[in-house]
Amino acid sequence: MLSMDTVHVCQGCGRTVNSDFLYCPWCGQSLISGDGRESLDSVFRQLENMQRRDCDKRLTDMQTQLDELEKELDTLVLSAEMHT
C-alpha cells in the first residue's frame, strides 16, 4: 500500500502519481505547485532525494558483492590450506 507522502493526485486527470514524478505520465500536467522559487526548490529536493536513494542502493549492492567476495576468498584460503 502506498503512503500518501509518496504520491500526488494529478490536478489534470485525477490519477495518483508517484511523488518522484515532476509531470503526470498520463496527461503531462506539472505536479509542482507554488511560485518559481518554490518550484525550483522542490525540484532540487526531489533530485537530491533520488540521488541519495541511488547512492544508498549502490552502496548496499557493493556491500553485498563485497560479502560474497569475502566468502569466496575464505573458501579459497581453506581449500589452499587443505591441499598443502
N, C-alpha and C. Protein backbone atom coordinates (compact mmCIF):
# COMPACT_ATOMS: atom_id res chain seq x y z
N MET A 1 0.85 -1.18 0.00
CA MET A 1 0.00 0.00 0.00
C MET A 1 0.89 1.24 0.00
N LEU A 2 0.56 2.19 -0.85
CA LEU A 2 1.34 3.42 -0.95
C LEU A 2 0.95 4.41 0.13
N SER A 3 1.93 5.05 0.70
CA SER A 3 1.69 6.12 1.66
C SER A 3 1.30 7.38 0.89
N MET A 4 0.48 8.22 1.47
CA MET A 4 0.09 9.46 0.80
C MET A 4 1.27 10.41 0.66
N ASP A 5 2.35 10.18 1.43
CA ASP A 5 3.54 11.00 1.30
C ASP A 5 4.30 10.68 0.02
N THR A 6 4.03 9.52 -0.57
CA THR A 6 4.79 9.10 -1.75
C THR A 6 4.02 9.30 -3.05
N VAL A 7 2.81 9.83 -2.97
CA VAL A 7 2.02 10.04 -4.18
C VAL A 7 1.40 11.44 -4.20
N HIS A 8 1.11 11.90 -5.41
CA HIS A 8 0.35 13.13 -5.65
C HIS A 8 -0.92 12.74 -6.38
N VAL A 9 -1.92 13.56 -6.26
CA VAL A 9 -3.11 13.41 -7.10
C VAL A 9 -2.99 14.47 -8.17
N CYS A 10 -2.96 14.04 -9.42
CA CYS A 10 -2.81 14.98 -10.54
C CYS A 10 -4.03 15.87 -10.64
N GLN A 11 -3.81 17.18 -10.73
CA GLN A 11 -4.91 18.13 -10.87
C GLN A 11 -5.50 18.09 -12.28
N GLY A 12 -4.74 17.53 -13.23
CA GLY A 12 -5.22 17.47 -14.61
C GLY A 12 -6.16 16.31 -14.87
N CYS A 13 -5.77 15.10 -14.41
CA CYS A 13 -6.58 13.92 -14.72
C CYS A 13 -7.10 13.19 -13.49
N GLY A 14 -6.62 13.57 -12.29
CA GLY A 14 -7.12 12.97 -11.07
C GLY A 14 -6.48 11.65 -10.68
N ARG A 15 -5.53 11.17 -11.46
CA ARG A 15 -4.87 9.92 -11.13
C ARG A 15 -3.81 10.13 -10.06
N THR A 16 -3.51 9.06 -9.32
CA THR A 16 -2.43 9.14 -8.35
C THR A 16 -1.12 8.89 -9.07
N VAL A 17 -0.12 9.71 -8.73
CA VAL A 17 1.18 9.67 -9.40
C VAL A 17 2.25 9.64 -8.32
N ASN A 18 3.25 8.79 -8.50
CA ASN A 18 4.37 8.71 -7.57
C ASN A 18 4.98 10.09 -7.41
N SER A 19 5.35 10.47 -6.21
CA SER A 19 5.85 11.82 -5.95
C SER A 19 7.24 12.06 -6.55
N ASP A 20 7.89 11.02 -7.07
CA ASP A 20 9.17 11.21 -7.77
C ASP A 20 8.98 11.90 -9.12
N PHE A 21 7.77 11.84 -9.66
CA PHE A 21 7.49 12.44 -10.95
C PHE A 21 7.31 13.95 -10.83
N LEU A 22 7.83 14.68 -11.81
CA LEU A 22 7.62 16.12 -11.87
C LEU A 22 6.40 16.47 -12.71
N TYR A 23 6.05 15.56 -13.63
CA TYR A 23 4.89 15.73 -14.51
C TYR A 23 4.08 14.45 -14.50
N CYS A 24 2.78 14.56 -14.67
CA CYS A 24 1.91 13.39 -14.73
C CYS A 24 2.25 12.59 -15.99
N PRO A 25 2.52 11.29 -15.85
CA PRO A 25 2.85 10.49 -17.02
C PRO A 25 1.64 10.23 -17.93
N TRP A 26 0.42 10.47 -17.43
CA TRP A 26 -0.76 10.23 -18.25
C TRP A 26 -1.21 11.46 -19.02
N CYS A 27 -1.18 12.63 -18.38
CA CYS A 27 -1.70 13.82 -19.07
C CYS A 27 -0.67 14.93 -19.25
N GLY A 28 0.50 14.80 -18.60
CA GLY A 28 1.56 15.79 -18.77
C GLY A 28 1.45 17.01 -17.86
N GLN A 29 0.45 17.04 -17.01
CA GLN A 29 0.27 18.15 -16.08
C GLN A 29 1.45 18.25 -15.12
N SER A 30 1.94 19.46 -14.88
CA SER A 30 3.01 19.67 -13.92
C SER A 30 2.51 19.33 -12.52
N LEU A 31 3.32 18.61 -11.77
CA LEU A 31 2.96 18.23 -10.41
C LEU A 31 3.61 19.14 -9.38
N ILE A 32 4.31 20.19 -9.87
CA ILE A 32 4.99 21.13 -8.99
C ILE A 32 4.07 22.33 -8.79
N SER A 33 3.83 22.67 -7.54
CA SER A 33 2.96 23.81 -7.26
C SER A 33 3.78 24.94 -6.65
N GLY A 34 3.21 26.11 -6.59
CA GLY A 34 3.88 27.25 -5.97
C GLY A 34 4.54 28.14 -7.00
N ASP A 35 5.21 29.19 -6.50
CA ASP A 35 5.89 30.11 -7.41
C ASP A 35 7.19 29.50 -7.92
N GLY A 36 7.89 30.20 -8.76
CA GLY A 36 9.10 29.70 -9.39
C GLY A 36 10.16 29.24 -8.41
N ARG A 37 10.40 30.02 -7.35
CA ARG A 37 11.43 29.68 -6.37
C ARG A 37 11.07 28.39 -5.64
N GLU A 38 9.80 28.29 -5.20
CA GLU A 38 9.35 27.08 -4.52
C GLU A 38 9.43 25.88 -5.46
N SER A 39 9.09 26.09 -6.72
CA SER A 39 9.14 25.01 -7.70
C SER A 39 10.57 24.51 -7.88
N LEU A 40 11.51 25.44 -8.00
CA LEU A 40 12.91 25.05 -8.15
C LEU A 40 13.40 24.32 -6.90
N ASP A 41 13.06 24.81 -5.73
CA ASP A 41 13.45 24.14 -4.50
C ASP A 41 12.88 22.73 -4.45
N SER A 42 11.64 22.59 -4.86
CA SER A 42 11.00 21.27 -4.87
C SER A 42 11.72 20.33 -5.83
N VAL A 43 12.05 20.83 -7.01
CA VAL A 43 12.76 20.01 -8.00
C VAL A 43 14.11 19.58 -7.45
N PHE A 44 14.85 20.50 -6.86
CA PHE A 44 16.16 20.17 -6.32
C PHE A 44 16.06 19.18 -5.15
N ARG A 45 15.05 19.34 -4.31
CA ARG A 45 14.86 18.39 -3.21
C ARG A 45 14.58 17.00 -3.76
N GLN A 46 13.72 16.94 -4.79
CA GLN A 46 13.42 15.64 -5.39
C GLN A 46 14.66 15.01 -6.01
N LEU A 47 15.44 15.83 -6.71
CA LEU A 47 16.67 15.31 -7.31
C LEU A 47 17.66 14.84 -6.24
N GLU A 48 17.80 15.61 -5.17
CA GLU A 48 18.69 15.20 -4.08
C GLU A 48 18.22 13.89 -3.46
N ASN A 49 16.91 13.75 -3.26
CA ASN A 49 16.37 12.52 -2.70
C ASN A 49 16.62 11.34 -3.63
N MET A 50 16.43 11.55 -4.91
CA MET A 50 16.68 10.49 -5.89
C MET A 50 18.15 10.10 -5.88
N GLN A 51 19.05 11.08 -5.83
CA GLN A 51 20.49 10.80 -5.78
C GLN A 51 20.84 10.04 -4.51
N ARG A 52 20.27 10.45 -3.40
CA ARG A 52 20.55 9.79 -2.12
C ARG A 52 20.10 8.34 -2.16
N ARG A 53 18.89 8.09 -2.67
CA ARG A 53 18.39 6.71 -2.76
C ARG A 53 19.26 5.89 -3.69
N ASP A 54 19.67 6.48 -4.82
CA ASP A 54 20.53 5.78 -5.77
C ASP A 54 21.87 5.45 -5.13
N CYS A 55 22.44 6.40 -4.42
CA CYS A 55 23.73 6.19 -3.75
C CYS A 55 23.59 5.10 -2.68
N ASP A 56 22.52 5.15 -1.90
CA ASP A 56 22.30 4.13 -0.87
C ASP A 56 22.16 2.75 -1.50
N LYS A 57 21.44 2.67 -2.62
CA LYS A 57 21.27 1.38 -3.30
C LYS A 57 22.61 0.86 -3.82
N ARG A 58 23.40 1.75 -4.42
CA ARG A 58 24.71 1.32 -4.92
C ARG A 58 25.61 0.85 -3.78
N LEU A 59 25.58 1.56 -2.65
CA LEU A 59 26.39 1.15 -1.51
C LEU A 59 25.94 -0.22 -0.98
N THR A 60 24.64 -0.43 -0.92
CA THR A 60 24.11 -1.72 -0.47
C THR A 60 24.53 -2.83 -1.42
N ASP A 61 24.42 -2.57 -2.73
CA ASP A 61 24.84 -3.56 -3.73
C ASP A 61 26.33 -3.87 -3.61
N MET A 62 27.14 -2.83 -3.40
CA MET A 62 28.58 -3.03 -3.25
C MET A 62 28.89 -3.84 -2.00
N GLN A 63 28.18 -3.59 -0.91
CA GLN A 63 28.39 -4.34 0.33
C GLN A 63 28.04 -5.81 0.12
N THR A 64 26.95 -6.07 -0.60
CA THR A 64 26.57 -7.44 -0.90
C THR A 64 27.65 -8.14 -1.72
N GLN A 65 28.15 -7.46 -2.75
CA GLN A 65 29.22 -8.03 -3.57
C GLN A 65 30.47 -8.27 -2.74
N LEU A 66 30.81 -7.34 -1.88
CA LEU A 66 31.99 -7.49 -1.03
C LEU A 66 31.83 -8.69 -0.09
N ASP A 67 30.64 -8.86 0.47
CA ASP A 67 30.39 -10.00 1.34
C ASP A 67 30.54 -11.31 0.58
N GLU A 68 30.03 -11.36 -0.66
CA GLU A 68 30.15 -12.57 -1.48
C GLU A 68 31.61 -12.85 -1.83
N LEU A 69 32.37 -11.82 -2.16
CA LEU A 69 33.79 -12.00 -2.46
C LEU A 69 34.56 -12.48 -1.24
N GLU A 70 34.20 -11.97 -0.08
CA GLU A 70 34.86 -12.39 1.15
C GLU A 70 34.60 -13.87 1.42
N LYS A 71 33.37 -14.33 1.18
CA LYS A 71 33.05 -15.75 1.35
C LYS A 71 33.86 -16.60 0.37
N GLU A 72 33.94 -16.16 -0.89
CA GLU A 72 34.72 -16.90 -1.88
C GLU A 72 36.20 -16.95 -1.49
N LEU A 73 36.73 -15.86 -1.00
CA LEU A 73 38.13 -15.81 -0.59
C LEU A 73 38.37 -16.76 0.59
N ASP A 74 37.45 -16.77 1.55
CA ASP A 74 37.57 -17.70 2.68
C ASP A 74 37.59 -19.14 2.19
N THR A 75 36.74 -19.45 1.22
CA THR A 75 36.69 -20.80 0.66
C THR A 75 38.01 -21.14 -0.03
N LEU A 76 38.54 -20.22 -0.80
CA LEU A 76 39.81 -20.45 -1.49
C LEU A 76 40.96 -20.65 -0.50
N VAL A 77 40.99 -19.85 0.54
CA VAL A 77 42.05 -19.97 1.54
C VAL A 77 41.94 -21.32 2.24
N LEU A 78 40.75 -21.71 2.61
CA LEU A 78 40.53 -23.00 3.26
C LEU A 78 40.94 -24.14 2.34
N SER A 79 40.58 -24.04 1.08
CA SER A 79 40.94 -25.06 0.10
C SER A 79 42.46 -25.15 -0.07
N ALA A 80 43.13 -24.00 -0.13
CA ALA A 80 44.59 -23.99 -0.27
C ALA A 80 45.25 -24.58 0.96
N GLU A 81 44.72 -24.31 2.14
CA GLU A 81 45.29 -24.85 3.38
C GLU A 81 45.13 -26.36 3.44
N MET A 82 44.04 -26.88 2.91
CA MET A 82 43.79 -28.31 2.93
C MET A 82 44.71 -29.05 1.95
N HIS A 83 45.13 -28.40 0.89
CA HIS A 83 45.96 -29.02 -0.14
C HIS A 83 47.45 -28.90 0.15
N THR A 84 47.82 -28.19 1.19
CA THR A 84 49.25 -28.05 1.50
C THR A 84 49.66 -28.87 2.67
